[in-house]
Protein backbone atom coordinates (compact mmCIF):
# COMPACT_ATOMS: atom_id res chain seq x y z
CA MET A 1 172.88 199.45 93.24
CA GLN A 2 174.26 199.32 89.73
CA THR A 3 170.85 199.63 88.13
CA ARG A 4 170.20 202.74 90.20
CA LYS A 5 173.46 204.30 88.99
CA LYS A 6 172.54 203.48 85.43
CA LYS A 7 169.15 205.13 85.81
CA ILE A 8 170.66 208.25 87.30
CA SER A 9 173.24 208.56 84.53
CA LEU A 10 170.51 208.04 81.90
CA VAL A 11 168.35 210.77 83.41
CA MET A 12 171.28 213.15 83.56
CA LEU A 13 171.98 212.58 79.87
CA LEU A 14 168.37 212.98 78.77
CA VAL A 15 167.53 216.13 80.76
CA PRO A 16 169.99 218.42 78.91
CA THR A 17 168.82 216.98 75.61
CA PHE A 18 165.21 217.89 76.33
CA LEU A 19 166.13 221.31 77.60
CA PHE A 20 168.24 222.26 74.59
CA SER A 21 165.76 220.95 72.06
CA GLY A 22 162.97 222.92 73.63
CA CYS A 23 164.99 226.11 73.72
CA SER A 24 166.06 226.02 70.13
CA SER A 25 162.56 225.60 68.75
CA THR A 26 161.08 228.40 70.81
CA GLN A 27 163.79 230.93 70.02
CA ARG A 28 163.54 230.53 66.27
CA PRO A 29 161.70 233.30 64.48
CA ALA A 30 158.88 232.41 62.13
CA ASP A 31 160.30 234.15 59.06
CA LEU A 32 163.46 232.01 59.22
CA ALA A 33 161.37 228.84 59.17
CA VAL A 34 159.51 229.99 56.06
CA GLU A 35 162.75 230.98 54.36
CA SER A 36 164.38 227.58 54.89
CA PHE A 37 161.23 225.86 53.62
CA THR A 38 161.34 227.83 50.34
CA VAL A 39 165.08 227.08 49.87
CA GLU A 40 164.43 223.36 50.37
CA ARG A 41 161.52 223.48 47.91
CA GLN A 42 163.65 225.25 45.28
CA GLN A 43 166.36 222.62 45.65
CA ASN A 44 163.81 219.81 45.26
CA ASP A 45 162.40 221.48 42.12
CA SER A 46 165.84 221.85 40.55
CA ILE A 47 166.61 218.19 41.30
CA ALA A 48 163.34 217.11 39.69
CA LYS A 49 163.98 219.25 36.61
CA ARG A 50 167.39 217.73 36.16
CA PHE A 51 165.85 214.41 35.12
CA GLN A 52 163.35 215.91 32.72
CA GLU A 53 164.11 216.77 29.11
CA PRO A 54 163.42 220.32 28.08
CA THR A 55 160.02 220.60 26.55
CA SER A 56 159.87 221.73 23.00
CA GLU A 57 156.95 222.56 20.84
CA GLY A 58 155.21 219.60 19.30
CA THR A 59 156.82 216.92 21.50
CA THR A 60 154.39 214.77 23.28
CA VAL A 61 154.95 212.35 26.07
CA VAL A 62 154.67 209.43 23.65
CA GLU A 63 157.31 210.87 21.31
CA SER A 64 159.56 211.56 24.26
CA ALA A 65 159.08 207.98 25.51
CA MET A 66 159.87 206.66 22.02
CA LYS A 67 163.09 208.70 21.89
CA LEU A 68 164.07 207.48 25.32
CA SER A 69 163.26 203.91 24.32
CA GLU A 70 165.42 204.19 21.19
CA GLU A 71 168.25 205.75 23.20
CA TYR A 72 167.94 202.99 25.80
CA THR A 73 168.05 200.31 23.07
CA ARG A 74 171.11 201.91 21.49
CA LEU A 75 172.89 202.22 24.82
CA THR A 76 171.98 198.63 25.75
CA LYS A 77 173.46 197.34 22.49
CA GLU A 78 176.55 199.47 22.99
CA ALA A 79 176.91 198.20 26.56
CA ALA A 80 176.57 194.60 25.35
CA ILE A 81 179.26 195.17 22.71
CA LEU A 82 181.54 196.78 25.27
CA ARG A 83 180.91 193.93 27.71
CA GLN A 84 181.77 191.39 25.00
CA GLN A 85 184.94 193.32 24.08
CA ASN A 86 185.88 193.46 27.74
CA GLU A 87 185.44 189.70 28.09
CA GLU A 88 187.55 189.15 24.95
CA PHE A 89 190.24 191.45 26.32
CA VAL A 90 190.21 189.66 29.66
CA THR A 91 190.50 186.28 27.91
CA LYS A 92 193.27 187.52 25.65
CA ASN A 93 195.06 189.09 28.60
CA HIS A 94 194.87 185.79 30.48
CA GLN A 95 196.26 183.92 27.47
CA LEU A 96 199.05 186.45 27.06
CA ASN A 97 199.93 186.17 30.75
CA GLU A 98 200.15 182.39 30.41
CA GLN A 99 202.29 182.81 27.29
CA VAL A 100 204.55 185.25 29.11
CA VAL A 101 205.06 182.76 31.94
CA SER A 102 205.82 180.00 29.43
CA LEU A 103 208.22 182.21 27.48
CA GLU A 104 209.97 183.33 30.66
CA ASP A 105 210.55 179.68 31.56
CA GLN A 106 211.89 178.98 28.07
CA LEU A 107 214.09 182.08 28.26
CA GLN A 108 215.57 180.99 31.57
CA GLN A 109 216.22 177.51 30.17
CA ALA A 110 217.80 178.97 27.02
CA GLN A 111 219.99 181.29 29.09
CA LYS A 112 221.08 178.36 31.25
CA GLU A 113 221.90 176.27 28.16
CA LEU A 114 223.72 179.21 26.59
CA ALA A 115 225.83 179.69 29.70
CA GLN A 116 226.69 175.98 29.69
CA ALA A 117 227.54 176.07 25.97
CA ASN A 118 229.73 179.14 26.48
CA SER A 119 231.64 177.52 29.34
CA LEU A 120 232.06 174.33 27.27
CA LEU A 121 233.27 176.37 24.29
CA ILE A 122 235.79 178.23 26.44
CA GLU A 123 237.00 174.95 27.90
CA MET A 124 237.34 173.38 24.44
CA ARG A 125 239.19 176.45 23.17
CA LEU A 126 241.65 176.22 26.04
CA GLU A 127 242.18 172.52 25.34
CA LEU A 128 242.69 173.24 21.63
CA ASN A 129 245.24 175.93 22.40
CA ASN A 130 247.06 173.55 24.74
CA TRP A 131 246.97 170.83 22.06
CA LYS A 132 248.34 173.23 19.45
CA ALA A 133 251.12 174.30 21.77
CA ASP A 134 251.97 170.68 22.46
CA ILE A 135 251.95 169.73 18.78
CA LEU A 136 253.94 172.76 17.66
CA GLY A 137 256.36 172.22 20.51
CA PHE A 138 256.95 168.62 19.54
CA ARG A 139 257.17 169.31 15.81
CA GLU A 140 260.93 169.77 15.86
CA GLU A 141 261.34 166.68 18.04
CA MET A 142 259.19 164.71 15.60
CA ARG A 143 261.37 165.89 12.69
CA GLN A 144 264.49 164.83 14.53
CA ALA A 145 262.99 161.43 15.28
CA GLU A 146 262.04 160.94 11.61
CA THR A 147 265.51 162.02 10.51
CA ALA A 148 267.06 159.51 12.91
CA GLN A 149 264.82 156.78 11.51
CA LEU A 150 265.81 157.65 7.95
CA GLU A 151 269.49 157.70 8.83
CA THR A 152 269.14 154.31 10.46
CA LEU A 153 267.39 152.98 7.36
CA LEU A 154 270.21 154.39 5.20
CA ARG A 155 272.83 152.58 7.28
CA ILE A 156 270.86 149.38 7.08
CA LEU A 157 270.76 149.72 3.31
CA LYS A 158 274.53 150.28 3.20
CA VAL A 159 275.07 147.17 5.27
CA LEU A 160 272.86 145.20 2.93
CA GLY A 161 275.00 146.23 0.01
CA GLY A 162 273.30 149.30 -1.32
CA GLN A 163 275.32 152.00 -2.98
CA VAL A 164 275.11 155.57 -1.89
CA THR A 165 275.65 158.15 -4.63
CA THR A 166 277.30 161.52 -4.23
CA GLU A 167 273.94 163.10 -3.90
CA SER A 168 273.27 160.72 -1.07
CA ALA A 169 276.50 161.65 0.66
CA ARG A 170 275.68 165.30 0.31
CA ALA A 171 272.25 164.64 1.68
CA GLU A 172 273.77 162.73 4.56
CA ASN A 173 276.04 165.62 5.37
CA THR A 174 273.21 168.15 5.23
CA SER A 175 270.86 165.90 7.19
CA THR A 176 268.26 165.70 4.48
CA VAL A 177 268.04 162.00 4.41
CA GLY A 178 264.76 161.97 2.52
CA SER A 179 266.43 162.83 -0.78
CA ALA A 180 269.17 160.26 -0.11
CA VAL A 181 266.66 157.50 0.30
CA ALA A 182 264.97 158.53 -2.90
CA SER A 183 268.21 158.39 -4.86
CA TRP A 184 269.31 155.03 -3.43
CA THR A 185 269.97 152.27 -5.84
CA GLY A 186 269.42 148.79 -4.63
CA PRO A 187 271.93 145.91 -4.93
CA ASN A 188 270.33 144.53 -8.10
CA GLN A 189 269.82 147.90 -9.82
CA PRO A 190 272.50 149.23 -12.27
């Protein structure tokens, strides 16, 4: 049943094809057929002439072949040189791409190290500023402590029998004990 349907559909498709092809060839006038043949021939002639060199006086086929051979040799050498240059450029491009990748890695590492160094430097600067503030803040306290030590030493010297001169007394009153200690005369000194 299916094969019969296939045959019928095939016949129905082929019948119009045969009818139209027969009609078109019979309705065509003869002068149109000749005209299309001459147009095709002219196109073929122009295509054939395109590949021929213009003939000049005194050029033979051998001379023309020699010129073509020389031109072919020249173009072959030029193509070989260009191929070699292309290979060199491809190799150099590959090397440069590898170098770029390497340099990008180094750049990222350097940027990372620079960021770490900057953060360390900022941290150290903050610590230095804190240290300076601490030291400058305690400077007066350190002076007072040293003055108290010197005054205590002066009293100890008085107890041991040292004499304090008028300069020493003045120094004691003005709290510059350093000069008093320098002017102190020991018990055995005149």
